[in-house]
């Protein structure tokens, strides 16, 4: 009996911790997918199929965006012009992300590739320190942001880091860059959930052997810590300190490299 309880407790603890990692890393520019890959490797999390967990973690962070950005969402829904900007970016995201799906799978499984990806993500963040600016038409501005979001589907790069950096580079002010990045995240996260569920319906993958309790715990923890990270990041972006996260990503890149050479 004690043995079964211990297994149950460890499953719930893993669900909680993965939710915390997802909630913090999904929005802070440090890459949630990269950290989850790193975290699973360190914990030795070996689920039959992590798809169910991924869906729940994404659902929790989606709820946190809708909660924190509720006023901005209402503003966008009232403006066709603002919606069209999101649509342009999203339409450029999808083909890039799908094209890089096989690359993403390899990066998630290989700590050496993950290390390189974290390093590339750091370079993107450091670019905001130098106030890079490109003169582009409105269409190409939002297309560029969408392309960068697609590239950020690769674990280690960071969706928020890539889209905020790109938004700043095409002339948005920090508040606009933050708002657009996370309004854009709503259809992006929703489509990621839909795509994962489609794999289940087409029987390409199974939902995974994860308990209902673990689902609820992962959604709750990813939602709470997602809200916290969004509030923190908003202050950081407005204060033009996004580039400082580049140092952290260099550090985590070195950690991934260390794991690669020591966990054979």
Protein backbone atom coordinates (compact mmCIF):
# COMPACT_ATOMS: atom_id res chain seq x y z
CA UNK A 1 0.00 0.00 0.00
CA UNK A 2 2.79 2.41 0.93
CA UNK A 3 4.54 1.54 -2.34
CA UNK A 4 1.45 2.46 -4.39
CA UNK A 5 1.04 5.72 -2.47
CA UNK A 6 4.67 6.60 -3.07
CA UNK A 7 4.29 6.04 -6.82
CA UNK A 8 1.06 8.10 -6.83
CA UNK A 9 2.73 10.93 -4.89
CA UNK A 10 5.74 10.99 -7.25
CA UNK A 11 3.44 11.14 -10.28
CA UNK A 12 1.59 14.13 -8.81
CA UNK A 13 4.86 15.82 -7.83
CA UNK A 14 6.23 15.36 -11.35
CA UNK A 15 3.02 16.82 -12.80
CA UNK A 16 3.27 19.83 -10.48
CA UNK A 17 6.95 20.45 -11.24
CA UNK A 18 6.46 20.10 -15.00
CA UNK A 19 3.59 22.59 -14.73
CA UNK A 20 5.81 25.03 -12.85
CA UNK A 21 8.54 24.71 -15.47
CA UNK A 22 6.02 25.14 -18.30
CA UNK A 23 4.31 28.13 -16.67
CA UNK A 24 7.54 29.99 -16.01
CA UNK A 25 9.45 29.04 -19.15
CA UNK A 26 6.55 29.35 -21.62
CA UNK A 27 6.44 33.12 -21.26
CA UNK A 28 9.80 34.12 -19.86
CA UNK A 29 12.20 34.21 -22.86
CA UNK A 30 14.05 31.06 -21.86
CA UNK A 31 12.14 28.37 -23.85
CA UNK A 32 9.60 26.14 -22.14
CA UNK A 33 10.08 23.25 -24.57
CA UNK A 34 13.83 23.43 -24.10
CA UNK A 35 13.54 23.44 -20.31
CA UNK A 36 10.98 20.63 -20.30
CA UNK A 37 13.35 18.52 -22.42
CA UNK A 38 16.18 19.33 -20.03
CA UNK A 39 14.01 18.78 -16.95
CA UNK A 40 12.67 15.42 -18.16
CA UNK A 41 16.21 14.30 -18.87
CA UNK A 42 17.41 15.25 -15.39
CA UNK A 43 14.38 13.72 -13.63
CA UNK A 44 14.42 10.65 -15.79
CA UNK A 45 10.73 11.15 -16.58
CA UNK A 46 9.81 8.21 -18.79
CA UNK A 47 6.13 8.40 -19.66
CA UNK A 48 4.75 5.99 -22.26
CA UNK A 49 3.73 9.00 -24.29
CA UNK A 50 4.07 12.61 -23.13
CA UNK A 51 1.38 13.91 -25.49
CA UNK A 52 -1.33 14.04 -22.82
CA UNK A 53 0.95 16.00 -20.54
CA UNK A 54 1.89 18.41 -23.31
CA UNK A 55 -1.77 19.13 -24.07
CA UNK A 56 -2.57 19.85 -20.42
CA UNK A 57 0.49 22.04 -19.93
CA UNK A 58 -0.37 24.07 -23.03
CA UNK A 59 -3.98 24.38 -21.88
CA UNK A 60 -2.88 25.78 -18.52
CA UNK A 61 -0.64 28.40 -20.11
CA UNK A 62 -3.35 29.33 -22.62
CA UNK A 63 -5.69 30.08 -19.71
CA UNK A 64 -3.03 32.26 -18.09
CA UNK A 65 -2.63 34.37 -21.27
CA UNK A 66 -6.39 34.84 -21.57
CA UNK A 67 -6.53 35.91 -17.92
CA UNK A 68 -3.62 38.39 -17.92
CA UNK A 69 -4.28 39.76 -21.44
CA UNK A 70 -8.08 39.92 -21.17
CA UNK A 71 -8.26 43.71 -21.74
CA UNK A 72 -5.92 43.55 -24.75
CA UNK A 73 -7.90 40.61 -26.16
CA UNK A 74 -11.10 42.69 -26.04
CA UNK A 75 -9.29 45.56 -27.78
CA UNK A 76 -8.02 43.31 -30.59
CA UNK A 77 -11.41 41.67 -31.09
CA UNK A 78 -12.95 45.09 -31.72
CA UNK A 79 -10.45 45.99 -34.47
CA UNK A 80 -10.26 44.27 -37.86
CA UNK A 81 -6.91 45.96 -38.50
CA UNK A 82 -5.36 44.51 -35.35
CA UNK A 83 -6.82 41.07 -36.06
CA UNK A 84 -5.41 41.15 -39.61
CA UNK A 85 -1.91 41.74 -38.19
CA UNK A 86 -2.24 38.67 -35.97
CA UNK A 87 -3.55 36.62 -38.92
CA UNK A 88 -0.57 37.61 -41.12
CA UNK A 89 1.93 36.60 -38.45
CA UNK A 90 0.11 33.37 -37.67
CA UNK A 91 -0.10 32.33 -41.33
CA UNK A 92 3.67 32.72 -41.66
CA UNK A 93 4.24 30.81 -38.43
CA UNK A 94 2.42 27.60 -39.34
CA UNK A 95 4.43 26.43 -42.41
CA UNK A 96 7.76 27.28 -40.77
CA UNK A 97 6.85 25.40 -37.57
CA UNK A 98 5.62 22.36 -39.52
CA UNK A 99 8.73 22.38 -41.71
CA UNK A 100 10.93 22.40 -38.60
CA UNK A 101 8.94 19.73 -36.72
CA UNK A 102 11.43 16.94 -37.43
CA UNK A 103 14.28 19.25 -36.39
CA UNK A 104 12.44 20.05 -33.17
CA UNK A 105 12.05 16.36 -32.35
CA UNK A 106 15.78 15.77 -32.81
CA UNK A 107 16.72 18.79 -30.71
CA UNK A 108 14.44 17.66 -27.88
CA UNK A 109 16.11 14.26 -27.78
CA UNK A 110 19.72 15.41 -28.12
CA UNK A 111 21.33 17.53 -25.41
CA UNK A 112 24.10 18.69 -27.76
CA UNK A 113 21.62 20.06 -30.28
CA UNK A 114 19.59 21.55 -27.42
CA UNK A 115 22.72 23.32 -26.18
CA UNK A 116 23.28 24.91 -29.59
CA UNK A 117 19.60 25.93 -29.75
CA UNK A 118 19.78 27.64 -26.34
CA UNK A 119 22.87 29.51 -27.55
CA UNK A 120 21.10 30.68 -30.72
CA UNK A 121 18.18 31.85 -28.59
CA UNK A 122 20.63 33.84 -26.47
CA UNK A 123 21.92 35.65 -29.57
CA UNK A 124 18.35 36.66 -30.47
CA UNK A 125 17.86 38.16 -27.01
CA UNK A 126 21.21 39.97 -27.10
CA UNK A 127 20.11 41.64 -30.35
CA UNK A 128 17.60 43.75 -28.36
CA UNK A 129 20.50 45.38 -26.51
CA UNK A 130 21.64 47.11 -29.73
CA UNK A 131 18.25 48.56 -30.74
CA UNK A 132 18.27 46.95 -34.18
CA UNK A 133 15.66 48.42 -36.50
CA UNK A 134 14.39 47.40 -39.95
CA UNK A 135 12.32 49.58 -42.26
CA UNK A 136 9.61 47.27 -43.60
CA UNK A 137 6.04 47.64 -44.84
CA UNK A 138 3.31 46.62 -42.40
CA UNK A 139 2.77 43.30 -44.20
CA UNK A 140 6.43 42.30 -44.05
CA UNK A 141 6.75 43.50 -40.45
CA UNK A 142 4.15 41.03 -39.25
CA UNK A 143 5.31 38.35 -41.67
CA UNK A 144 8.79 38.64 -40.14
CA UNK A 145 7.41 38.27 -36.61
CA UNK A 146 5.48 35.21 -37.76
CA UNK A 147 8.57 33.63 -39.32
CA UNK A 148 10.52 34.17 -36.12
CA UNK A 149 7.73 32.58 -34.11
CA UNK A 150 7.87 29.57 -36.44
CA UNK A 151 11.63 29.27 -35.96
CA UNK A 152 11.08 29.44 -32.18
CA UNK A 153 9.13 26.16 -32.37
CA UNK A 154 12.55 24.55 -32.08
CA UNK A 155 13.20 23.80 -28.37
CA UNK A 156 15.69 26.17 -26.76
CA UNK A 157 14.96 29.30 -28.80
CA UNK A 158 11.88 30.73 -26.98
CA UNK A 159 8.68 31.90 -28.66
CA UNK A 160 8.29 35.01 -26.51
CA UNK A 161 11.95 35.95 -26.86
CA UNK A 162 11.87 35.59 -30.65
CA UNK A 163 8.57 37.41 -31.21
CA UNK A 164 9.27 40.28 -28.81
CA UNK A 165 12.78 40.73 -30.24
CA UNK A 166 11.39 40.68 -33.79
CA UNK A 167 8.60 43.11 -32.87
CA UNK A 168 11.09 45.56 -31.39
CA UNK A 169 13.31 45.21 -34.47
CA UNK A 170 10.46 46.19 -36.84
CA UNK A 171 9.66 49.35 -34.90
CA UNK A 172 7.16 48.51 -32.17
CA UNK A 173 7.65 50.11 -28.79
CA UNK A 174 8.14 47.76 -25.80
CA UNK A 175 4.48 47.80 -24.70
CA UNK A 176 3.27 47.13 -28.25
CA UNK A 177 5.83 44.35 -28.69
CA UNK A 178 4.74 42.66 -25.46
CA UNK A 179 1.03 42.92 -26.27
CA UNK A 180 1.40 41.68 -29.84
CA UNK A 181 3.62 38.78 -28.83
CA UNK A 182 1.13 37.41 -26.36
CA UNK A 183 -2.00 38.12 -28.38
CA UNK A 184 -0.27 36.15 -31.13
CA UNK A 185 0.45 33.37 -28.65
CA UNK A 186 -3.29 32.67 -28.21
CA UNK A 187 -4.01 31.21 -31.67
CA UNK A 188 -0.52 29.69 -31.66
CA UNK A 189 -0.99 27.75 -28.41
CA UNK A 190 -4.56 26.82 -29.39
CA UNK A 191 -3.37 25.46 -32.75
CA UNK A 192 -0.61 23.49 -31.00
CA UNK A 193 -3.22 21.85 -28.77
CA UNK A 194 -5.46 21.13 -31.77
CA UNK A 195 -2.54 19.66 -33.72
CA UNK A 196 -1.60 17.37 -30.84
CA UNK A 197 -5.20 16.21 -30.43
CA UNK A 198 -5.47 15.61 -34.19
CA UNK A 199 -2.58 13.13 -33.89
CA UNK A 200 -4.64 11.21 -31.33
CA UNK A 201 -7.79 11.19 -33.47
CA UNK A 202 -5.79 10.02 -36.50
CA UNK A 203 -4.26 7.34 -34.24
CA UNK A 204 -0.72 8.50 -35.00
CA UNK A 205 -0.15 8.89 -31.27
CA UNK A 206 -1.92 8.04 -28.03
CA UNK A 207 -2.85 10.44 -25.27
CA UNK A 208 -0.53 8.74 -22.82
CA UNK A 209 -0.83 6.80 -19.59
CA UNK A 210 -1.22 9.72 -17.19
CA UNK A 211 -3.75 9.94 -14.35
CA UNK A 212 -6.61 12.43 -14.24
CA UNK A 213 -5.18 13.90 -11.03
CA UNK A 214 -1.88 14.57 -12.77
CA UNK A 215 -3.73 16.36 -15.57
CA UNK A 216 -5.48 18.72 -13.15
CA UNK A 217 -2.32 19.37 -11.15
CA UNK A 218 -0.30 20.18 -14.28
CA UNK A 219 -3.01 22.55 -15.60
CA UNK A 220 -3.29 24.33 -12.25
CA UNK A 221 0.46 24.79 -11.72
CA UNK A 222 1.12 25.87 -15.33
CA UNK A 223 -1.74 28.41 -15.07
CA UNK A 224 -0.61 29.94 -11.76
CA UNK A 225 3.06 30.18 -12.71
CA UNK A 226 2.13 31.33 -16.21
CA UNK A 227 0.30 34.31 -14.71
CA UNK A 228 3.31 35.09 -12.51
CA UNK A 229 5.79 34.93 -15.38
CA UNK A 230 3.63 37.14 -17.62
CA UNK A 231 3.43 39.85 -14.98
CA UNK A 232 7.20 39.70 -14.44
CA UNK A 233 8.01 39.72 -18.17
CA UNK A 234 5.77 42.72 -18.87
CA UNK A 235 7.84 44.80 -16.44
CA UNK A 236 11.11 43.51 -17.89
CA UNK A 237 10.16 44.24 -21.52
CA UNK A 238 8.91 47.75 -20.73
CA UNK A 239 12.17 48.36 -18.84
CA UNK A 240 14.15 47.28 -21.95
CA UNK A 241 15.98 44.55 -20.01
CA UNK A 242 14.99 41.57 -22.17
CA UNK A 243 18.58 41.07 -23.32
CA UNK A 244 19.67 40.13 -19.78
CA UNK A 245 17.98 36.75 -20.23
CA UNK A 246 20.62 36.04 -22.85
CA UNK A 247 23.16 35.43 -20.09
CA UNK A 248 20.86 32.87 -18.49
CA UNK A 249 20.43 31.08 -21.81
CA UNK A 250 24.20 30.93 -22.25
CA UNK A 251 24.36 29.34 -18.80
CA UNK A 252 21.63 26.79 -19.57
CA UNK A 253 23.33 26.06 -22.89
CA UNK A 254 26.46 25.10 -20.98
CA UNK A 255 24.39 22.95 -18.58
CA UNK A 256 22.89 21.09 -21.55
CA UNK A 257 26.36 20.58 -22.97
CA UNK A 258 27.54 19.22 -19.61
CA UNK A 259 24.61 16.79 -19.49
CA UNK A 260 25.41 15.61 -23.01
CA UNK A 261 28.97 14.69 -22.08
CA UNK A 262 28.19 13.21 -18.65
CA UNK A 263 24.91 11.29 -19.18
CA UNK A 264 25.92 8.64 -21.65
